[in-house]
Amino acid sequence: MSRNSDPQDEGQQAREIALRLLTRREHAAAELVRKLEQRGMPREAARAAVLELGEAGWQSDARYAQEFASAHAARGDGPLKIRAALLARGVGEREVSAALAGLELDWLAQAREVRAKRFGVPLPVDPADQARQLRFLQTRGFPPAIARQAVRSTDFQED
């Protein structure tokens, strides 16, 4: 945008670009502002457009967090990884916590499934294999206690 642009035109253009982006998929407010700035919109016009779209119900960090958490849990990510990714995208702690709670997942069962998919159903006996599988689950975002339990027990034999 040129420096001589009319602020009203910039605002209208920012709203139109933001709306086009939102019709493709949900975006966090911070992510949307950043994308508008990358397209040459002034920061204030971008923020105002995103705020206006949020008030109109077109943009919602809560809705974005729910969709993001659901998609990433479905691909085998754990709660710590999902939380960190959402916070890094500018979503607030309240929305992140609500999205994770809304999943109503058994994270231990999820960790067991992810471990079995990668390493097979039999549990590791060798300490080196256990450590490798623990590291794998922790890098996927599972808390250490859940990762340990997933590597040491199956659904039928609890610790």
C-alpha atoms as a PDB file:
ATOM      1  CA  MET A   1       0.000   0.000   0.000  1.00  0.00           C
ATOM      2  CA  SER A   2       1.250   3.476  -0.653  1.00  0.00           C
ATOM      3  CA  ARG A   3       1.611   5.931   2.182  1.00  0.00           C
ATOM      4  CA  ASN A   4      -0.958   8.235   0.574  1.00  0.00           C
ATOM      5  CA  SER A   5      -3.739   5.627   0.643  1.00  0.00           C
ATOM      6  CA  ASP A   6      -7.046   6.545   2.186  1.00  0.00           C
ATOM      7  CA  PRO A   7      -7.374   4.838   5.599  1.00  0.00           C
ATOM      8  CA  GLN A   8     -10.982   3.957   4.810  1.00  0.00           C
ATOM      9  CA  ASP A   9      -9.905   2.223   1.575  1.00  0.00           C
ATOM     10  CA  GLU A  10      -7.139   0.405   3.463  1.00  0.00           C
ATOM     11  CA  GLY A  11      -9.659  -0.793   6.038  1.00  0.00           C
ATOM     12  CA  GLN A  12     -12.048  -2.034   3.378  1.00  0.00           C
ATOM     13  CA  GLN A  13      -9.241  -3.775   1.507  1.00  0.00           C
ATOM     14  CA  ALA A  14      -7.959  -5.372   4.732  1.00  0.00           C
ATOM     15  CA  ARG A  15     -11.467  -6.680   5.537  1.00  0.00           C
ATOM     16  CA  GLU A  16     -11.835  -8.134   2.037  1.00  0.00           C
ATOM     17  CA  ILE A  17      -8.463  -9.895   2.159  1.00  0.00           C
ATOM     18  CA  ALA A  18      -9.124 -11.207   5.673  1.00  0.00           C
ATOM     19  CA  LEU A  19     -12.549 -12.487   4.666  1.00  0.00           C
ATOM     20  CA  ARG A  20     -11.061 -14.302   1.651  1.00  0.00           C
ATOM     21  CA  LEU A  21      -8.493 -15.946   3.945  1.00  0.00           C
ATOM     22  CA  LEU A  22     -11.210 -16.962   6.412  1.00  0.00           C
ATOM     23  CA  THR A  23     -13.345 -18.570   3.713  1.00  0.00           C
ATOM     24  CA  ARG A  24     -10.495 -21.034   3.067  1.00  0.00           C
ATOM     25  CA  ARG A  25      -9.934 -22.034   6.708  1.00  0.00           C
ATOM     26  CA  GLU A  26     -10.056 -20.716  10.266  1.00  0.00           C
ATOM     27  CA  HIS A  27      -7.222 -18.425  11.349  1.00  0.00           C
ATOM     28  CA  ALA A  28      -6.154 -17.136  14.738  1.00  0.00           C
ATOM     29  CA  ALA A  29      -6.498 -13.356  15.043  1.00  0.00           C
ATOM     30  CA  ALA A  30      -2.727 -12.854  15.397  1.00  0.00           C
ATOM     31  CA  GLU A  31      -2.086 -15.074  12.382  1.00  0.00           C
ATOM     32  CA  LEU A  32      -4.620 -13.129  10.316  1.00  0.00           C
ATOM     33  CA  VAL A  33      -3.084  -9.768  11.268  1.00  0.00           C
ATOM     34  CA  ARG A  34       0.363 -11.080  10.301  1.00  0.00           C
ATOM     35  CA  LYS A  35      -0.907 -12.311   6.917  1.00  0.00           C
ATOM     36  CA  LEU A  36      -2.565  -8.965   6.216  1.00  0.00           C
ATOM     37  CA  GLU A  37       0.666  -7.136   7.055  1.00  0.00           C
ATOM     38  CA  GLN A  38       2.559  -9.461   4.703  1.00  0.00           C
ATOM     39  CA  ARG A  39       0.157  -8.372   1.975  1.00  0.00           C
ATOM     40  CA  GLY A  40       1.018  -4.720   2.574  1.00  0.00           C
ATOM     41  CA  MET A  41      -1.738  -3.662   4.949  1.00  0.00           C
ATOM     42  CA  PRO A  42      -0.782  -1.215   7.712  1.00  0.00           C
ATOM     43  CA  ARG A  43      -0.832  -2.798  11.181  1.00  0.00           C
ATOM     44  CA  GLU A  44      -3.701  -0.645  12.459  1.00  0.00           C
ATOM     45  CA  ALA A  45      -5.889  -1.358   9.413  1.00  0.00           C
ATOM     46  CA  ALA A  46      -5.162  -5.092   9.770  1.00  0.00           C
ATOM     47  CA  ARG A  47      -5.980  -5.110  13.482  1.00  0.00           C
ATOM     48  CA  ALA A  48      -9.169  -3.122  12.963  1.00  0.00           C
ATOM     49  CA  ALA A  49     -10.323  -5.452  10.172  1.00  0.00           C
ATOM     50  CA  VAL A  50      -9.671  -8.570  12.255  1.00  0.00           C
ATOM     51  CA  LEU A  51     -11.418  -7.053  15.267  1.00  0.00           C
ATOM     52  CA  GLU A  52     -14.429  -6.166  13.136  1.00  0.00           C
ATOM     53  CA  LEU A  53     -14.583  -9.665  11.630  1.00  0.00           C
ATOM     54  CA  GLY A  54     -14.299 -11.173  15.102  1.00  0.00           C
ATOM     55  CA  GLU A  55     -17.200  -9.075  16.378  1.00  0.00           C
ATOM     56  CA  ALA A  56     -19.252 -10.165  13.369  1.00  0.00           C
ATOM     57  CA  GLY A  57     -18.485 -13.833  14.106  1.00  0.00           C
ATOM     58  CA  TRP A  58     -16.341 -14.447  11.035  1.00  0.00           C
ATOM     59  CA  GLN A  59     -13.137 -14.907  13.051  1.00  0.00           C
ATOM     60  CA  SER A  60     -12.905 -16.735  16.366  1.00  0.00           C
ATOM     61  CA  ASP A  61      -9.786 -17.812  18.238  1.00  0.00           C
ATOM     62  CA  ALA A  62     -11.901 -20.314  20.188  1.00  0.00           C
ATOM     63  CA  ARG A  63     -13.218 -21.917  17.000  1.00  0.00           C
ATOM     64  CA  TYR A  64      -9.714 -21.911  15.483  1.00  0.00           C
ATOM     65  CA  ALA A  65      -8.282 -23.568  18.615  1.00  0.00           C
ATOM     66  CA  GLN A  66     -10.975 -26.268  18.587  1.00  0.00           C
ATOM     67  CA  GLU A  67     -10.394 -27.127  14.932  1.00  0.00           C
ATOM     68  CA  PHE A  68      -6.606 -27.038  15.300  1.00  0.00           C
ATOM     69  CA  ALA A  69      -6.615 -29.211  18.447  1.00  0.00           C
ATOM     70  CA  SER A  70      -8.975 -31.741  16.896  1.00  0.00           C
ATOM     71  CA  ALA A  71      -6.943 -32.035  13.682  1.00  0.00           C
ATOM     72  CA  HIS A  72      -3.616 -32.354  15.481  1.00  0.00           C
ATOM     73  CA  ALA A  73      -4.927 -34.870  18.023  1.00  0.00           C
ATOM     74  CA  ALA A  74      -6.269 -36.945  15.127  1.00  0.00           C
ATOM     75  CA  ARG A  75      -2.806 -37.091  13.610  1.00  0.00           C
ATOM     76  CA  GLY A  76      -1.279 -38.289  16.877  1.00  0.00           C
ATOM     77  CA  ASP A  77       0.006 -35.156  18.568  1.00  0.00           C
ATOM     78  CA  GLY A  78      -0.135 -34.974  22.357  1.00  0.00           C
ATOM     79  CA  PRO A  79      -1.585 -32.199  24.513  1.00  0.00           C
ATOM     80  CA  LEU A  80       1.732 -30.469  25.226  1.00  0.00           C
ATOM     81  CA  LYS A  81       2.588 -30.131  21.531  1.00  0.00           C
ATOM     82  CA  ILE A  82      -0.900 -28.907  20.655  1.00  0.00           C
ATOM     83  CA  ARG A  83      -0.848 -26.372  23.505  1.00  0.00           C
ATOM     84  CA  ALA A  84       2.583 -25.039  22.498  1.00  0.00           C
ATOM     85  CA  ALA A  85       1.589 -24.746  18.831  1.00  0.00           C
ATOM     86  CA  LEU A  86      -1.600 -22.828  19.621  1.00  0.00           C
ATOM     87  CA  LEU A  87       0.153 -20.467  22.035  1.00  0.00           C
ATOM     88  CA  ALA A  88       2.846 -19.842  19.415  1.00  0.00           C
ATOM     89  CA  ARG A  89       0.084 -18.856  16.966  1.00  0.00           C
ATOM     90  CA  GLY A  90      -1.168 -16.199  19.372  1.00  0.00           C
ATOM     91  CA  VAL A  91      -4.197 -18.016  20.760  1.00  0.00           C
ATOM     92  CA  GLY A  92      -4.959 -17.159  24.390  1.00  0.00           C
ATOM     93  CA  GLU A  93      -4.489 -19.612  27.248  1.00  0.00           C
ATOM     94  CA  ARG A  94      -8.225 -19.711  27.988  1.00  0.00           C
ATOM     95  CA  GLU A  95      -9.106 -20.717  24.409  1.00  0.00           C
ATOM     96  CA  VAL A  96      -6.301 -23.299  24.327  1.00  0.00           C
ATOM     97  CA  SER A  97      -7.404 -24.901  27.601  1.00  0.00           C
ATOM     98  CA  ALA A  98     -11.028 -24.977  26.462  1.00  0.00           C
ATOM     99  CA  ALA A  99     -10.078 -26.562  23.129  1.00  0.00           C
ATOM    100  CA  LEU A 100      -8.012 -29.292  24.797  1.00  0.00           C
ATOM    101  CA  ALA A 101     -10.742 -29.984  27.357  1.00  0.00           C
ATOM    102  CA  GLY A 102     -13.305 -30.108  24.553  1.00  0.00           C
ATOM    103  CA  LEU A 103     -11.443 -32.973  22.900  1.00  0.00           C
ATOM    104  CA  GLU A 104     -12.374 -35.273  25.775  1.00  0.00           C
ATOM    105  CA  LEU A 105      -9.575 -37.640  24.780  1.00  0.00           C
ATOM    106  CA  ASP A 106      -7.979 -40.370  26.831  1.00  0.00           C
ATOM    107  CA  TRP A 107      -4.401 -39.190  26.325  1.00  0.00           C
ATOM    108  CA  LEU A 108      -2.970 -42.460  27.659  1.00  0.00           C
ATOM    109  CA  ALA A 109      -4.941 -44.464  25.088  1.00  0.00           C
ATOM    110  CA  GLN A 110      -3.834 -41.982  22.424  1.00  0.00           C
ATOM    111  CA  ALA A 111      -0.171 -42.384  23.447  1.00  0.00           C
ATOM    112  CA  ARG A 112      -0.475 -46.174  23.385  1.00  0.00           C
ATOM    113  CA  GLU A 113      -1.982 -46.049  19.911  1.00  0.00           C
ATOM    114  CA  VAL A 114       0.720 -43.705  18.599  1.00  0.00           C
ATOM    115  CA  ARG A 115       3.449 -45.904  20.129  1.00  0.00           C
ATOM    116  CA  ALA A 116       1.975 -49.103  18.686  1.00  0.00           C
ATOM    117  CA  LYS A 117       1.589 -47.544  15.254  1.00  0.00           C
ATOM    118  CA  ARG A 118       5.257 -46.533  15.179  1.00  0.00           C
ATOM    119  CA  PHE A 119       6.910 -49.445  16.998  1.00  0.00           C
ATOM    120  CA  GLY A 120       4.416 -52.320  16.876  1.00  0.00           C
ATOM    121  CA  VAL A 121       2.168 -53.777  19.550  1.00  0.00           C
ATOM    122  CA  PRO A 122       4.738 -55.661  21.680  1.00  0.00           C
ATOM    123  CA  LEU A 123       6.099 -53.530  24.495  1.00  0.00           C
ATOM    124  CA  PRO A 124       9.831 -52.872  24.595  1.00  0.00           C
ATOM    125  CA  VAL A 125      11.785 -55.001  27.058  1.00  0.00           C
ATOM    126  CA  ASP A 126      15.225 -53.548  26.483  1.00  0.00           C
ATOM    127  CA  PRO A 127      15.859 -50.318  28.474  1.00  0.00           C
ATOM    128  CA  ALA A 128      17.382 -48.664  25.393  1.00  0.00           C
ATOM    129  CA  ASP A 129      14.229 -49.408  23.364  1.00  0.00           C
ATOM    130  CA  GLN A 130      12.050 -48.107  26.209  1.00  0.00           C
ATOM    131  CA  ALA A 131      14.074 -44.893  26.332  1.00  0.00           C
ATOM    132  CA  ARG A 132      13.818 -44.457  22.554  1.00  0.00           C
ATOM    133  CA  GLN A 133      10.049 -44.930  22.621  1.00  0.00           C
ATOM    134  CA  LEU A 134       9.712 -42.572  25.599  1.00  0.00           C
ATOM    135  CA  ARG A 135      11.631 -39.868  23.727  1.00  0.00           C
ATOM    136  CA  PHE A 136       9.457 -40.416  20.667  1.00  0.00           C
ATOM    137  CA  LEU A 137       6.238 -39.970  22.649  1.00  0.00           C
ATOM    138  CA  GLN A 138       7.589 -36.912  24.447  1.00  0.00           C
ATOM    139  CA  THR A 139       8.570 -35.261  21.151  1.00  0.00           C
ATOM    140  CA  ARG A 140       5.006 -35.929  19.972  1.00  0.00           C
ATOM    141  CA  GLY A 141       3.792 -33.861  22.938  1.00  0.00           C
ATOM    142  CA  PHE A 142       2.792 -36.435  25.542  1.00  0.00           C
ATOM    143  CA  PRO A 143       3.616 -35.675  29.190  1.00  0.00           C
ATOM    144  CA  PRO A 144       6.419 -37.839  30.650  1.00  0.00           C
ATOM    145  CA  ALA A 145       4.114 -39.755  33.031  1.00  0.00           C
ATOM    146  CA  ILE A 146       1.737 -40.713  30.211  1.00  0.00           C
ATOM    147  CA  ALA A 147       4.642 -41.627  27.917  1.00  0.00           C
ATOM    148  CA  ARG A 148       6.155 -43.877  30.607  1.00  0.00           C
ATOM    149  CA  GLN A 149       2.868 -45.627  31.217  1.00  0.00           C
ATOM    150  CA  ALA A 150       2.258 -46.109  27.471  1.00  0.00           C
ATOM    151  CA  VAL A 151       5.678 -47.717  27.030  1.00  0.00           C
ATOM    152  CA  ARG A 152       5.385 -49.994  30.062  1.00  0.00           C
ATOM    153  CA  SER A 153       1.803 -51.236  29.926  1.00  0.00           C
ATOM    154  CA  THR A 154      -0.977 -52.153  27.537  1.00  0.00           C
ATOM    155  CA  ASP A 155      -4.707 -51.716  28.028  1.00  0.00           C
ATOM    156  CA  PHE A 156      -4.835 -55.096  29.754  1.00  0.00           C
ATOM    157  CA  GLN A 157      -1.939 -54.745  32.167  1.00  0.00           C
ATOM    158  CA  GLU A 158      -1.799 -51.538  34.158  1.00  0.00           C
ATOM    159  CA  ASP A 159       1.215 -50.331  36.126  1.00  0.00           C
END
